[in-house]
Amino acid sequence: TSPFKEGDESSVDIYDGLDNGLTVSGRLIVSCCLAWTIIVSVLLRLVSSKTTLQAEYGKCQQQIKELMKKFKEIQAQNVILQNENQALKKNIS
């Protein structure tokens, strides 16, 4: 029993509001759990997106290497054709 005396201004009820605190704490716990669930969900999606982007980046890097190789081959072929063209021009004149 509370030692609080109704109408006595020198008396303070230290138990006042404790019953209400349980429902607030319960709601706070539920809110924290919901927030945690949302945060974990967002992080999982970000990790998944990062993994997907890294895989795509790797594919792009490989394509760039292949294209650079082809470009160098075409450049070399172009030099050969230019030299042949110069030689033909000399033969014609």
N, C-alpha and C. Protein backbone atom coordinates (compact mmCIF):
# COMPACT_ATOMS: atom_id res chain seq x y z
N THR A 1 0.84 -1.19 0.00
CA THR A 1 0.00 0.00 0.00
C THR A 1 0.88 1.24 0.00
N SER A 2 0.40 2.23 -0.67
CA SER A 2 1.13 3.49 -0.76
C SER A 2 0.95 4.31 0.50
N PRO A 3 2.02 4.88 1.02
CA PRO A 3 1.91 5.72 2.21
C PRO A 3 1.37 7.11 1.88
N PHE A 4 1.03 7.35 0.64
CA PHE A 4 0.52 8.65 0.20
C PHE A 4 -0.80 8.96 0.89
N LYS A 5 -0.90 10.17 1.38
CA LYS A 5 -2.13 10.60 2.04
C LYS A 5 -2.77 11.66 1.17
N GLU A 6 -3.98 11.39 0.72
CA GLU A 6 -4.74 12.32 -0.10
C GLU A 6 -4.89 13.65 0.63
N GLY A 7 -4.60 14.74 -0.07
CA GLY A 7 -4.78 16.06 0.50
C GLY A 7 -3.61 16.55 1.32
N ASP A 8 -2.63 15.70 1.59
CA ASP A 8 -1.46 16.10 2.37
C ASP A 8 -0.38 16.55 1.40
N GLU A 9 -0.10 17.84 1.35
CA GLU A 9 0.86 18.39 0.39
C GLU A 9 2.30 18.04 0.73
N SER A 10 2.58 17.61 1.92
CA SER A 10 3.94 17.22 2.29
C SER A 10 4.21 15.77 1.91
N SER A 11 3.17 15.08 1.48
CA SER A 11 3.29 13.67 1.13
C SER A 11 3.35 13.54 -0.40
N VAL A 12 4.28 12.71 -0.89
CA VAL A 12 4.42 12.50 -2.33
C VAL A 12 4.23 11.02 -2.61
N ASP A 13 3.42 10.72 -3.62
CA ASP A 13 3.19 9.33 -4.01
C ASP A 13 4.29 8.91 -4.98
N ILE A 14 5.28 8.16 -4.48
CA ILE A 14 6.41 7.74 -5.32
C ILE A 14 6.00 6.63 -6.29
N TYR A 15 4.86 6.03 -6.10
CA TYR A 15 4.38 4.96 -6.97
C TYR A 15 3.46 5.48 -8.07
N ASP A 16 3.20 6.77 -8.04
CA ASP A 16 2.28 7.37 -9.00
C ASP A 16 2.83 7.21 -10.42
N GLY A 17 2.04 6.66 -11.31
CA GLY A 17 2.41 6.52 -12.71
C GLY A 17 3.17 5.26 -13.06
N LEU A 18 3.50 4.42 -12.09
CA LEU A 18 4.24 3.20 -12.41
C LEU A 18 3.43 2.24 -13.26
N ASP A 19 2.13 2.19 -13.03
CA ASP A 19 1.28 1.31 -13.84
C ASP A 19 1.28 1.76 -15.30
N ASN A 20 1.30 3.04 -15.54
CA ASN A 20 1.31 3.56 -16.91
C ASN A 20 2.65 3.31 -17.59
N GLY A 21 3.72 3.28 -16.83
CA GLY A 21 5.06 3.10 -17.39
C GLY A 21 5.23 1.77 -18.09
N LEU A 22 4.53 0.76 -17.66
CA LEU A 22 4.67 -0.56 -18.28
C LEU A 22 4.17 -0.54 -19.71
N THR A 23 3.06 0.12 -19.96
CA THR A 23 2.54 0.16 -21.33
C THR A 23 3.44 1.03 -22.22
N VAL A 24 3.98 2.11 -21.67
CA VAL A 24 4.90 2.94 -22.44
C VAL A 24 6.16 2.14 -22.76
N SER A 25 6.68 1.41 -21.77
CA SER A 25 7.87 0.59 -22.00
C SER A 25 7.59 -0.48 -23.05
N GLY A 26 6.41 -1.09 -22.95
CA GLY A 26 6.05 -2.12 -23.94
C GLY A 26 5.99 -1.54 -25.34
N ARG A 27 5.37 -0.36 -25.46
CA ARG A 27 5.29 0.28 -26.78
C ARG A 27 6.67 0.69 -27.27
N LEU A 28 7.50 1.13 -26.36
CA LEU A 28 8.86 1.52 -26.72
C LEU A 28 9.64 0.32 -27.24
N ILE A 29 9.49 -0.81 -26.57
CA ILE A 29 10.17 -2.04 -27.01
C ILE A 29 9.69 -2.45 -28.39
N VAL A 30 8.37 -2.41 -28.60
CA VAL A 30 7.81 -2.77 -29.91
C VAL A 30 8.33 -1.80 -30.97
N SER A 31 8.35 -0.51 -30.65
CA SER A 31 8.85 0.49 -31.60
C SER A 31 10.32 0.25 -31.93
N CYS A 32 11.11 -0.06 -30.91
CA CYS A 32 12.53 -0.33 -31.13
C CYS A 32 12.72 -1.58 -31.99
N CYS A 33 11.93 -2.60 -31.73
CA CYS A 33 12.02 -3.84 -32.53
C CYS A 33 11.64 -3.56 -33.98
N LEU A 34 10.60 -2.77 -34.18
CA LEU A 34 10.17 -2.42 -35.53
C LEU A 34 11.26 -1.61 -36.24
N ALA A 35 11.82 -0.64 -35.52
CA ALA A 35 12.89 0.17 -36.11
C ALA A 35 14.09 -0.70 -36.45
N TRP A 36 14.44 -1.61 -35.57
CA TRP A 36 15.56 -2.52 -35.81
C TRP A 36 15.29 -3.39 -37.03
N THR A 37 14.07 -3.89 -37.15
CA THR A 37 13.70 -4.72 -38.30
C THR A 37 13.83 -3.92 -39.59
N ILE A 38 13.38 -2.68 -39.57
CA ILE A 38 13.48 -1.83 -40.76
C ILE A 38 14.95 -1.58 -41.10
N ILE A 39 15.75 -1.27 -40.11
CA ILE A 39 17.18 -1.00 -40.34
C ILE A 39 17.87 -2.23 -40.92
N VAL A 40 17.60 -3.39 -40.35
CA VAL A 40 18.21 -4.63 -40.84
C VAL A 40 17.77 -4.90 -42.28
N SER A 41 16.49 -4.69 -42.55
CA SER A 41 15.96 -4.90 -43.90
C SER A 41 16.65 -3.98 -44.91
N VAL A 42 16.80 -2.72 -44.56
CA VAL A 42 17.46 -1.76 -45.44
C VAL A 42 18.92 -2.15 -45.65
N LEU A 43 19.60 -2.53 -44.59
CA LEU A 43 21.01 -2.94 -44.71
C LEU A 43 21.17 -4.17 -45.59
N LEU A 44 20.26 -5.13 -45.45
CA LEU A 44 20.33 -6.33 -46.28
C LEU A 44 20.14 -5.97 -47.76
N ARG A 45 19.20 -5.06 -48.04
CA ARG A 45 19.00 -4.63 -49.42
C ARG A 45 20.23 -3.89 -49.95
N LEU A 46 20.85 -3.08 -49.11
CA LEU A 46 22.05 -2.36 -49.53
C LEU A 46 23.20 -3.32 -49.83
N VAL A 47 23.36 -4.31 -48.98
CA VAL A 47 24.42 -5.31 -49.20
C VAL A 47 24.15 -6.07 -50.49
N SER A 48 22.90 -6.44 -50.71
CA SER A 48 22.53 -7.14 -51.94
C SER A 48 22.80 -6.26 -53.16
N SER A 49 22.42 -4.99 -53.07
CA SER A 49 22.66 -4.06 -54.18
C SER A 49 24.15 -3.89 -54.42
N LYS A 50 24.92 -3.79 -53.34
CA LYS A 50 26.37 -3.62 -53.48
C LYS A 50 26.97 -4.84 -54.17
N THR A 51 26.53 -6.03 -53.77
CA THR A 51 27.04 -7.26 -54.37
C THR A 51 26.70 -7.30 -55.86
N THR A 52 25.47 -6.94 -56.19
CA THR A 52 25.04 -6.91 -57.59
C THR A 52 25.87 -5.90 -58.38
N LEU A 53 26.05 -4.71 -57.82
CA LEU A 53 26.83 -3.68 -58.50
C LEU A 53 28.29 -4.09 -58.68
N GLN A 54 28.84 -4.77 -57.68
CA GLN A 54 30.23 -5.23 -57.80
C GLN A 54 30.36 -6.25 -58.92
N ALA A 55 29.37 -7.14 -59.04
CA ALA A 55 29.40 -8.14 -60.11
C ALA A 55 29.30 -7.45 -61.47
N GLU A 56 28.40 -6.48 -61.60
CA GLU A 56 28.27 -5.75 -62.86
C GLU A 56 29.54 -4.97 -63.18
N TYR A 57 30.14 -4.38 -62.16
CA TYR A 57 31.39 -3.64 -62.34
C TYR A 57 32.49 -4.58 -62.86
N GLY A 58 32.56 -5.78 -62.29
CA GLY A 58 33.54 -6.76 -62.75
C GLY A 58 33.33 -7.12 -64.21
N LYS A 59 32.07 -7.29 -64.61
CA LYS A 59 31.76 -7.60 -66.02
C LYS A 59 32.18 -6.44 -66.92
N CYS A 60 31.89 -5.23 -66.48
CA CYS A 60 32.27 -4.05 -67.27
C CYS A 60 33.78 -3.94 -67.41
N GLN A 61 34.49 -4.20 -66.34
CA GLN A 61 35.96 -4.16 -66.38
C GLN A 61 36.48 -5.18 -67.40
N GLN A 62 35.89 -6.36 -67.41
CA GLN A 62 36.31 -7.40 -68.35
C GLN A 62 36.02 -6.97 -69.79
N GLN A 63 34.85 -6.36 -70.02
CA GLN A 63 34.51 -5.88 -71.36
C GLN A 63 35.48 -4.80 -71.81
N ILE A 64 35.87 -3.91 -70.89
CA ILE A 64 36.82 -2.86 -71.22
C ILE A 64 38.16 -3.47 -71.63
N LYS A 65 38.61 -4.49 -70.91
CA LYS A 65 39.87 -5.16 -71.25
C LYS A 65 39.80 -5.77 -72.65
N GLU A 66 38.67 -6.44 -72.94
CA GLU A 66 38.50 -7.06 -74.25
C GLU A 66 38.46 -6.00 -75.36
N LEU A 67 37.75 -4.90 -75.12
CA LEU A 67 37.67 -3.84 -76.11
C LEU A 67 39.03 -3.17 -76.34
N MET A 68 39.79 -2.98 -75.28
CA MET A 68 41.13 -2.40 -75.42
C MET A 68 42.03 -3.33 -76.23
N LYS A 69 41.90 -4.63 -76.01
CA LYS A 69 42.70 -5.60 -76.77
C LYS A 69 42.35 -5.50 -78.26
N LYS A 70 41.04 -5.47 -78.56
CA LYS A 70 40.61 -5.35 -79.96
C LYS A 70 41.08 -4.03 -80.56
N PHE A 71 40.99 -2.96 -79.77
CA PHE A 71 41.42 -1.64 -80.25
C PHE A 71 42.90 -1.66 -80.62
N LYS A 72 43.73 -2.27 -79.79
CA LYS A 72 45.17 -2.34 -80.07
C LYS A 72 45.43 -3.19 -81.31
N GLU A 73 44.66 -4.27 -81.48
CA GLU A 73 44.82 -5.10 -82.67
C GLU A 73 44.47 -4.31 -83.92
N ILE A 74 43.38 -3.53 -83.84
CA ILE A 74 42.96 -2.73 -84.99
C ILE A 74 43.98 -1.63 -85.28
N GLN A 75 44.54 -1.03 -84.23
CA GLN A 75 45.58 -0.01 -84.42
C GLN A 75 46.79 -0.62 -85.14
N ALA A 76 47.20 -1.79 -84.71
CA ALA A 76 48.35 -2.46 -85.33
C ALA A 76 48.05 -2.77 -86.79
N GLN A 77 46.84 -3.24 -87.05
CA GLN A 77 46.42 -3.56 -88.42
C GLN A 77 46.41 -2.27 -89.26
N ASN A 78 45.98 -1.19 -88.66
CA ASN A 78 45.93 0.10 -89.36
C ASN A 78 47.33 0.56 -89.76
N VAL A 79 48.29 0.39 -88.86
CA VAL A 79 49.68 0.76 -89.17
C VAL A 79 50.19 -0.06 -90.35
N ILE A 80 49.90 -1.35 -90.34
CA ILE A 80 50.33 -2.23 -91.44
C ILE A 80 49.70 -1.77 -92.75
N LEU A 81 48.40 -1.46 -92.72
CA LEU A 81 47.71 -1.03 -93.94
C LEU A 81 48.24 0.32 -94.43
N GLN A 82 48.55 1.22 -93.51
CA GLN A 82 49.12 2.52 -93.91
C GLN A 82 50.47 2.33 -94.59
N ASN A 83 51.29 1.43 -94.03
CA ASN A 83 52.60 1.15 -94.64
C ASN A 83 52.44 0.55 -96.02
N GLU A 84 51.50 -0.39 -96.17
CA GLU A 84 51.25 -0.99 -97.48
C GLU A 84 50.75 0.06 -98.46
N ASN A 85 49.90 0.95 -97.98
CA ASN A 85 49.35 2.01 -98.83
C ASN A 85 50.47 2.93 -99.32
N GLN A 86 51.38 3.29 -98.41
CA GLN A 86 52.53 4.13 -98.80
C GLN A 86 53.39 3.43 -99.85
N ALA A 87 53.60 2.13 -99.64
CA ALA A 87 54.42 1.37 -100.60
C ALA A 87 53.74 1.33 -101.96
N LEU A 88 52.44 1.14 -102.00
CA LEU A 88 51.71 1.10 -103.27
C LEU A 88 51.76 2.46 -103.97
N LYS A 89 51.65 3.53 -103.18
CA LYS A 89 51.71 4.87 -103.77
C LYS A 89 53.08 5.11 -104.42
N LYS A 90 54.14 4.61 -103.77
CA LYS A 90 55.49 4.78 -104.32
C LYS A 90 55.62 3.99 -105.62
N ASN A 91 55.04 2.79 -105.67
CA ASN A 91 55.13 1.95 -106.87
C ASN A 91 54.36 2.58 -108.03
N ILE A 92 53.25 3.24 -107.72
CA ILE A 92 52.43 3.84 -108.77
C ILE A 92 53.13 5.07 -109.35
N SER A 93 53.80 5.84 -108.53
CA SER A 93 54.41 7.06 -109.04
C SER A 93 55.77 6.83 -109.59
